[in-house]
Amino acid sequence: MFDALTAALGATALALAAWCAFAAWRDQPTKDWHFIGMAVVSVLALAQLVIGLVQLARGEKADEGSVIFVAYLIGAFAAVPAAGLLSLTERTKWGSVTVAAGAVVLAVLEVRLYDIWGTPGA
């Protein structure tokens, strides 16, 4: 379940990044629809945070350590909301660029989270 959620979150983050980059290319700020997309990605990140913490509480271990795993989970959860808040202060195309960058950061964090957790059955 955790691997599927990580892949889904990475894919939705990249879709959000492409959508906001397209808006920036068209010289548009973030709009309400972009914030709905950010909310969807944020809900997925919250689900990942909860599932990750539950897995740790059940006694499962991350290959590279629980502390670094939790730190990455929290960072992944905060990446898109932080970019969204910053985009509200910059109501030009650069707000859209900020969200696109935050979504790319989230996708990279997802790859790293997958590495930190370890491969199943290894």
Protein backbone atom coordinates (compact mmCIF):
# COMPACT_ATOMS: atom_id res chain seq x y z
CA MET A 1 0.00 0.00 0.00
CA PHE A 2 2.74 2.45 0.87
CA ASP A 3 4.52 1.90 -2.47
CA ALA A 4 1.34 2.44 -4.48
CA LEU A 5 0.52 5.61 -2.55
CA THR A 6 4.06 6.90 -3.03
CA ALA A 7 3.84 6.32 -6.79
CA ALA A 8 0.39 7.93 -6.98
CA LEU A 9 1.54 10.94 -5.00
CA GLY A 10 4.63 11.36 -7.17
CA ALA A 11 2.53 11.18 -10.33
CA THR A 12 -0.07 13.68 -9.10
CA ALA A 13 2.70 16.02 -7.95
CA LEU A 14 4.26 15.93 -11.42
CA ALA A 15 0.84 16.53 -13.01
CA LEU A 16 0.34 19.54 -10.74
CA ALA A 17 3.82 20.79 -11.64
CA ALA A 18 3.08 20.52 -15.36
CA TRP A 19 -0.30 22.23 -14.93
CA CYS A 20 1.18 25.15 -13.00
CA ALA A 21 4.16 25.40 -15.36
CA PHE A 22 1.70 25.66 -18.25
CA ALA A 23 -0.11 28.46 -16.41
CA ALA A 24 3.20 30.23 -15.87
CA TRP A 25 4.05 29.83 -19.55
CA ARG A 26 0.75 31.56 -20.32
CA ASP A 27 1.65 34.37 -17.85
CA GLN A 28 -1.15 33.39 -15.44
CA PRO A 29 -1.06 33.36 -11.63
CA THR A 30 -2.38 30.44 -9.63
CA LYS A 31 -6.16 30.28 -9.80
CA ASP A 32 -8.83 28.51 -7.77
CA TRP A 33 -8.51 25.36 -9.88
CA HIS A 34 -4.83 25.18 -9.09
CA PHE A 35 -5.62 25.38 -5.39
CA ILE A 36 -8.06 22.49 -5.76
CA GLY A 37 -5.26 20.51 -7.37
CA MET A 38 -2.95 21.47 -4.52
CA ALA A 39 -5.60 20.30 -2.05
CA VAL A 40 -5.84 16.90 -3.75
CA VAL A 41 -2.06 16.48 -3.63
CA SER A 42 -2.00 17.65 0.00
CA VAL A 43 -4.69 15.15 1.01
CA LEU A 44 -2.66 12.36 -0.58
CA ALA A 45 0.43 13.58 1.28
CA LEU A 46 -1.54 13.63 4.54
CA ALA A 47 -2.69 10.06 3.90
CA GLN A 48 0.92 9.06 3.27
CA LEU A 49 2.02 10.74 6.50
CA VAL A 50 -0.64 8.91 8.52
CA ILE A 51 0.03 5.54 6.88
CA GLY A 52 3.78 5.95 7.34
CA LEU A 53 3.38 6.77 11.02
CA VAL A 54 0.99 3.84 11.50
CA GLN A 55 3.46 1.48 9.85
CA LEU A 56 6.20 2.70 12.18
CA ALA A 57 3.89 2.33 15.19
CA ARG A 58 3.15 -1.27 14.18
CA GLY A 59 6.85 -2.03 14.43
CA GLU A 60 7.89 -1.89 10.79
CA LYS A 61 11.27 -0.30 10.16
CA ALA A 62 12.61 1.99 7.48
CA ASP A 63 15.90 0.78 6.00
CA GLU A 64 17.67 4.09 6.60
CA GLY A 65 16.15 4.91 9.98
CA SER A 66 12.84 6.04 11.37
CA VAL A 67 13.88 9.60 12.22
CA ILE A 68 14.96 10.45 8.68
CA PHE A 69 11.84 8.71 7.35
CA VAL A 70 9.52 10.81 9.53
CA ALA A 71 11.43 13.97 8.62
CA TYR A 72 10.94 13.25 4.91
CA LEU A 73 7.25 12.44 5.49
CA ILE A 74 6.73 15.80 7.19
CA GLY A 75 8.68 17.60 4.47
CA ALA A 76 6.64 15.89 1.77
CA PHE A 77 3.43 16.88 3.53
CA ALA A 78 4.53 20.52 3.82
CA ALA A 79 6.03 21.06 0.34
CA VAL A 80 2.90 21.87 -1.68
CA PRO A 81 0.99 23.82 1.02
CA ALA A 82 4.07 25.99 1.59
CA ALA A 83 4.39 26.66 -2.13
CA GLY A 84 0.68 27.43 -2.30
CA LEU A 85 0.95 29.98 0.47
CA LEU A 86 3.92 31.60 -1.25
CA SER A 87 1.98 31.75 -4.50
CA LEU A 88 -0.70 33.79 -2.75
CA THR A 89 1.83 36.51 -2.02
CA GLU A 90 2.98 36.60 -5.65
CA ARG A 91 -0.08 37.02 -7.84
CA THR A 92 1.85 36.91 -11.11
CA LYS A 93 3.14 34.05 -13.22
CA TRP A 94 5.89 33.60 -10.63
CA GLY A 95 3.30 32.31 -8.18
CA SER A 96 2.55 29.52 -10.64
CA VAL A 97 6.28 28.88 -11.03
CA THR A 98 6.56 28.59 -7.25
CA VAL A 99 3.84 25.95 -7.06
CA ALA A 100 5.35 24.06 -10.00
CA ALA A 101 8.71 24.05 -8.24
CA GLY A 102 7.14 22.91 -4.96
CA ALA A 103 5.39 20.06 -6.76
CA VAL A 104 8.65 18.96 -8.40
CA VAL A 105 10.30 19.02 -4.97
CA LEU A 106 7.50 16.80 -3.68
CA ALA A 107 8.03 14.31 -6.52
CA VAL A 108 11.74 14.15 -5.71
CA LEU A 109 10.93 13.67 -2.02
CA GLU A 110 8.70 10.75 -2.98
CA VAL A 111 11.57 9.03 -4.76
CA ARG A 112 13.74 9.56 -1.71
CA LEU A 113 11.00 8.28 0.63
CA TYR A 114 10.82 5.11 -1.44
CA ASP A 115 14.59 4.68 -1.06
CA ILE A 116 14.51 5.37 2.68
CA TRP A 117 11.71 2.89 3.35
CA GLY A 118 13.45 0.17 1.38
CA THR A 119 12.30 -2.37 -1.12
CA PRO A 120 9.68 -4.90 -0.09
CA GLY A 121 11.02 -8.39 0.50
CA ALA A 122 14.66 -7.32 0.48
